[in-house]
Amino acid sequence: MNMNTKMLAAALASLTLLGGCGGGSNVKVQGTTTISKGQELSDLQRALTEGAITQKEYDALHAKIMKRPD
């Protein structure tokens, strides 16, 4: 088998394997996850500290979390 044939075979094998990835656009999620307010606030503080969100975004989200019932 010459080099071009090997490369073509490898490319076709790769395309065949990748063809099955991400076939559908519908995702079904079952079950629920409960996260405490404390965990949300801790994650929010970390996001602010690491610069992922601004102080304004932090304040708005913090207020929203605190208004929710436990």
N, C-alpha and C. Protein backbone atom coordinates (compact mmCIF):
# COMPACT_ATOMS: atom_id res chain seq x y z
N MET A 1 0.86 -1.17 0.00
CA MET A 1 0.00 0.00 0.00
C MET A 1 0.90 1.23 0.00
N ASN A 2 0.67 2.13 -0.95
CA ASN A 2 1.53 3.32 -0.97
C ASN A 2 1.03 4.36 0.03
N MET A 3 1.80 5.42 0.21
CA MET A 3 1.53 6.43 1.22
C MET A 3 0.20 7.13 0.99
N ASN A 4 -0.15 7.48 -0.24
CA ASN A 4 -1.42 8.16 -0.53
C ASN A 4 -2.61 7.28 -0.19
N THR A 5 -2.51 6.01 -0.47
CA THR A 5 -3.59 5.07 -0.17
C THR A 5 -3.78 4.94 1.33
N LYS A 6 -2.66 4.88 2.06
CA LYS A 6 -2.73 4.79 3.52
C LYS A 6 -3.37 6.05 4.11
N MET A 7 -2.99 7.20 3.59
CA MET A 7 -3.54 8.46 4.09
C MET A 7 -5.03 8.54 3.80
N LEU A 8 -5.44 8.12 2.61
CA LEU A 8 -6.84 8.13 2.24
C LEU A 8 -7.63 7.18 3.12
N ALA A 9 -7.09 5.99 3.39
CA ALA A 9 -7.76 5.02 4.25
C ALA A 9 -7.91 5.57 5.67
N ALA A 10 -6.88 6.21 6.18
CA ALA A 10 -6.93 6.78 7.52
C ALA A 10 -7.96 7.91 7.59
N ALA A 11 -8.01 8.74 6.55
CA ALA A 11 -8.97 9.84 6.52
C ALA A 11 -10.40 9.32 6.48
N LEU A 12 -10.65 8.30 5.67
CA LEU A 12 -11.99 7.72 5.58
C LEU A 12 -12.39 7.05 6.89
N ALA A 13 -11.45 6.38 7.55
CA ALA A 13 -11.74 5.76 8.83
C ALA A 13 -12.09 6.82 9.87
N SER A 14 -11.35 7.91 9.87
CA SER A 14 -11.62 9.00 10.81
C SER A 14 -13.00 9.60 10.57
N LEU A 15 -13.34 9.84 9.33
CA LEU A 15 -14.65 10.40 9.01
C LEU A 15 -15.77 9.46 9.39
N THR A 16 -15.57 8.18 9.20
CA THR A 16 -16.57 7.19 9.57
C THR A 16 -16.80 7.20 11.08
N LEU A 17 -15.72 7.23 11.84
CA LEU A 17 -15.84 7.25 13.30
C LEU A 17 -16.49 8.53 13.80
N LEU A 18 -16.11 9.66 13.22
CA LEU A 18 -16.64 10.94 13.64
C LEU A 18 -18.08 11.15 13.19
N GLY A 19 -18.51 10.44 12.17
CA GLY A 19 -19.86 10.59 11.66
C GLY A 19 -20.92 10.25 12.69
N GLY A 20 -20.62 9.38 13.62
CA GLY A 20 -21.58 8.99 14.64
C GLY A 20 -21.63 9.94 15.82
N CYS A 21 -20.71 10.85 15.93
CA CYS A 21 -20.66 11.77 17.07
C CYS A 21 -21.66 12.91 16.89
N GLY A 22 -22.40 13.19 17.93
CA GLY A 22 -23.30 14.34 17.91
C GLY A 22 -24.38 14.27 16.86
N GLY A 23 -24.91 13.10 16.63
CA GLY A 23 -25.88 12.93 15.57
C GLY A 23 -27.18 13.67 15.77
N GLY A 24 -27.67 13.77 16.98
CA GLY A 24 -28.97 14.40 17.21
C GLY A 24 -28.83 15.73 17.91
N SER A 25 -29.82 16.58 17.71
CA SER A 25 -29.79 17.88 18.37
C SER A 25 -30.71 17.92 19.58
N ASN A 26 -31.48 16.87 19.81
CA ASN A 26 -32.38 16.82 20.95
C ASN A 26 -31.69 16.16 22.13
N VAL A 27 -31.81 16.79 23.29
CA VAL A 27 -31.22 16.25 24.50
C VAL A 27 -32.32 16.14 25.53
N LYS A 28 -32.43 14.99 26.17
CA LYS A 28 -33.44 14.78 27.19
C LYS A 28 -32.73 14.61 28.53
N VAL A 29 -33.08 15.46 29.47
CA VAL A 29 -32.48 15.41 30.79
C VAL A 29 -33.53 14.94 31.77
N GLN A 30 -33.20 13.93 32.53
CA GLN A 30 -34.13 13.42 33.51
C GLN A 30 -33.54 13.58 34.90
N GLY A 31 -34.42 13.76 35.87
CA GLY A 31 -33.97 13.90 37.24
C GLY A 31 -33.75 15.35 37.61
N THR A 32 -33.51 15.58 38.85
CA THR A 32 -33.26 16.94 39.32
C THR A 32 -32.03 16.94 40.22
N THR A 33 -31.45 18.09 40.32
CA THR A 33 -30.31 18.29 41.21
C THR A 33 -30.64 19.47 42.10
N THR A 34 -30.42 19.30 43.37
CA THR A 34 -30.69 20.38 44.31
C THR A 34 -29.36 20.96 44.77
N ILE A 35 -29.23 22.26 44.60
CA ILE A 35 -28.03 22.96 45.05
C ILE A 35 -28.48 23.99 46.07
N SER A 36 -27.84 24.01 47.22
CA SER A 36 -28.24 24.92 48.28
C SER A 36 -27.90 26.36 47.92
N LYS A 37 -28.60 27.27 48.60
CA LYS A 37 -28.28 28.70 48.41
C LYS A 37 -26.84 28.97 48.78
N GLY A 38 -26.39 28.33 49.84
CA GLY A 38 -25.01 28.52 50.29
C GLY A 38 -24.01 28.13 49.21
N GLN A 39 -24.27 27.02 48.53
CA GLN A 39 -23.37 26.58 47.46
C GLN A 39 -23.43 27.55 46.30
N GLU A 40 -24.64 28.01 45.95
CA GLU A 40 -24.77 28.97 44.86
C GLU A 40 -24.03 30.26 45.18
N LEU A 41 -24.18 30.74 46.42
CA LEU A 41 -23.50 31.97 46.80
C LEU A 41 -21.98 31.80 46.82
N SER A 42 -21.54 30.63 47.24
CA SER A 42 -20.10 30.34 47.23
C SER A 42 -19.57 30.32 45.79
N ASP A 43 -20.30 29.67 44.90
CA ASP A 43 -19.90 29.63 43.49
C ASP A 43 -19.92 31.02 42.88
N LEU A 44 -20.92 31.81 43.26
CA LEU A 44 -21.03 33.17 42.75
C LEU A 44 -19.85 34.03 43.20
N GLN A 45 -19.48 33.88 44.47
CA GLN A 45 -18.33 34.62 45.01
C GLN A 45 -17.05 34.22 44.28
N ARG A 46 -16.91 32.92 44.01
CA ARG A 46 -15.72 32.45 43.30
C ARG A 46 -15.67 33.03 41.89
N ALA A 47 -16.83 33.09 41.23
CA ALA A 47 -16.88 33.66 39.88
C ALA A 47 -16.45 35.12 39.89
N LEU A 48 -16.88 35.87 40.91
CA LEU A 48 -16.49 37.27 41.04
C LEU A 48 -14.99 37.38 41.30
N THR A 49 -14.49 36.59 42.23
CA THR A 49 -13.08 36.62 42.60
C THR A 49 -12.18 36.29 41.42
N GLU A 50 -12.62 35.34 40.60
CA GLU A 50 -11.80 34.91 39.46
C GLU A 50 -12.02 35.78 38.22
N GLY A 51 -12.90 36.77 38.33
CA GLY A 51 -13.10 37.70 37.22
C GLY A 51 -14.03 37.19 36.13
N ALA A 52 -14.77 36.13 36.42
CA ALA A 52 -15.69 35.59 35.42
C ALA A 52 -16.94 36.46 35.27
N ILE A 53 -17.28 37.20 36.33
CA ILE A 53 -18.42 38.11 36.29
C ILE A 53 -18.01 39.44 36.91
N THR A 54 -18.78 40.48 36.60
CA THR A 54 -18.51 41.80 37.14
C THR A 54 -19.21 41.97 38.49
N GLN A 55 -18.86 43.02 39.20
CA GLN A 55 -19.50 43.30 40.48
C GLN A 55 -21.00 43.55 40.27
N LYS A 56 -21.34 44.22 39.19
CA LYS A 56 -22.75 44.50 38.89
C LYS A 56 -23.52 43.19 38.67
N GLU A 57 -22.93 42.26 37.92
CA GLU A 57 -23.56 40.95 37.68
C GLU A 57 -23.68 40.18 39.00
N TYR A 58 -22.63 40.25 39.81
CA TYR A 58 -22.63 39.59 41.10
C TYR A 58 -23.78 40.10 41.97
N ASP A 59 -23.90 41.42 42.06
CA ASP A 59 -24.94 42.02 42.90
C ASP A 59 -26.33 41.60 42.45
N ALA A 60 -26.57 41.61 41.14
CA ALA A 60 -27.88 41.24 40.60
C ALA A 60 -28.19 39.77 40.90
N LEU A 61 -27.22 38.89 40.67
CA LEU A 61 -27.44 37.47 40.91
C LEU A 61 -27.57 37.15 42.40
N HIS A 62 -26.79 37.83 43.20
CA HIS A 62 -26.86 37.64 44.65
C HIS A 62 -28.26 38.00 45.16
N ALA A 63 -28.78 39.12 44.71
CA ALA A 63 -30.12 39.54 45.12
C ALA A 63 -31.17 38.54 44.67
N LYS A 64 -31.03 38.04 43.46
CA LYS A 64 -31.98 37.06 42.92
C LYS A 64 -31.96 35.77 43.74
N ILE A 65 -30.78 35.30 44.10
CA ILE A 65 -30.67 34.08 44.91
C ILE A 65 -31.29 34.30 46.27
N MET A 66 -31.03 35.43 46.89
CA MET A 66 -31.51 35.69 48.23
C MET A 66 -33.03 35.85 48.28
N LYS A 67 -33.66 36.26 47.20
CA LYS A 67 -35.11 36.42 47.17
C LYS A 67 -35.85 35.09 47.05
N ARG A 68 -35.18 34.07 46.56
CA ARG A 68 -35.82 32.77 46.39
C ARG A 68 -36.10 32.11 47.73
N PRO A 69 -37.21 31.39 47.81
CA PRO A 69 -37.46 30.65 49.05
C PRO A 69 -36.45 29.51 49.20
N ASP A 70 -36.23 29.09 50.42
CA ASP A 70 -35.25 28.01 50.67
C ASP A 70 -35.64 26.73 50.07
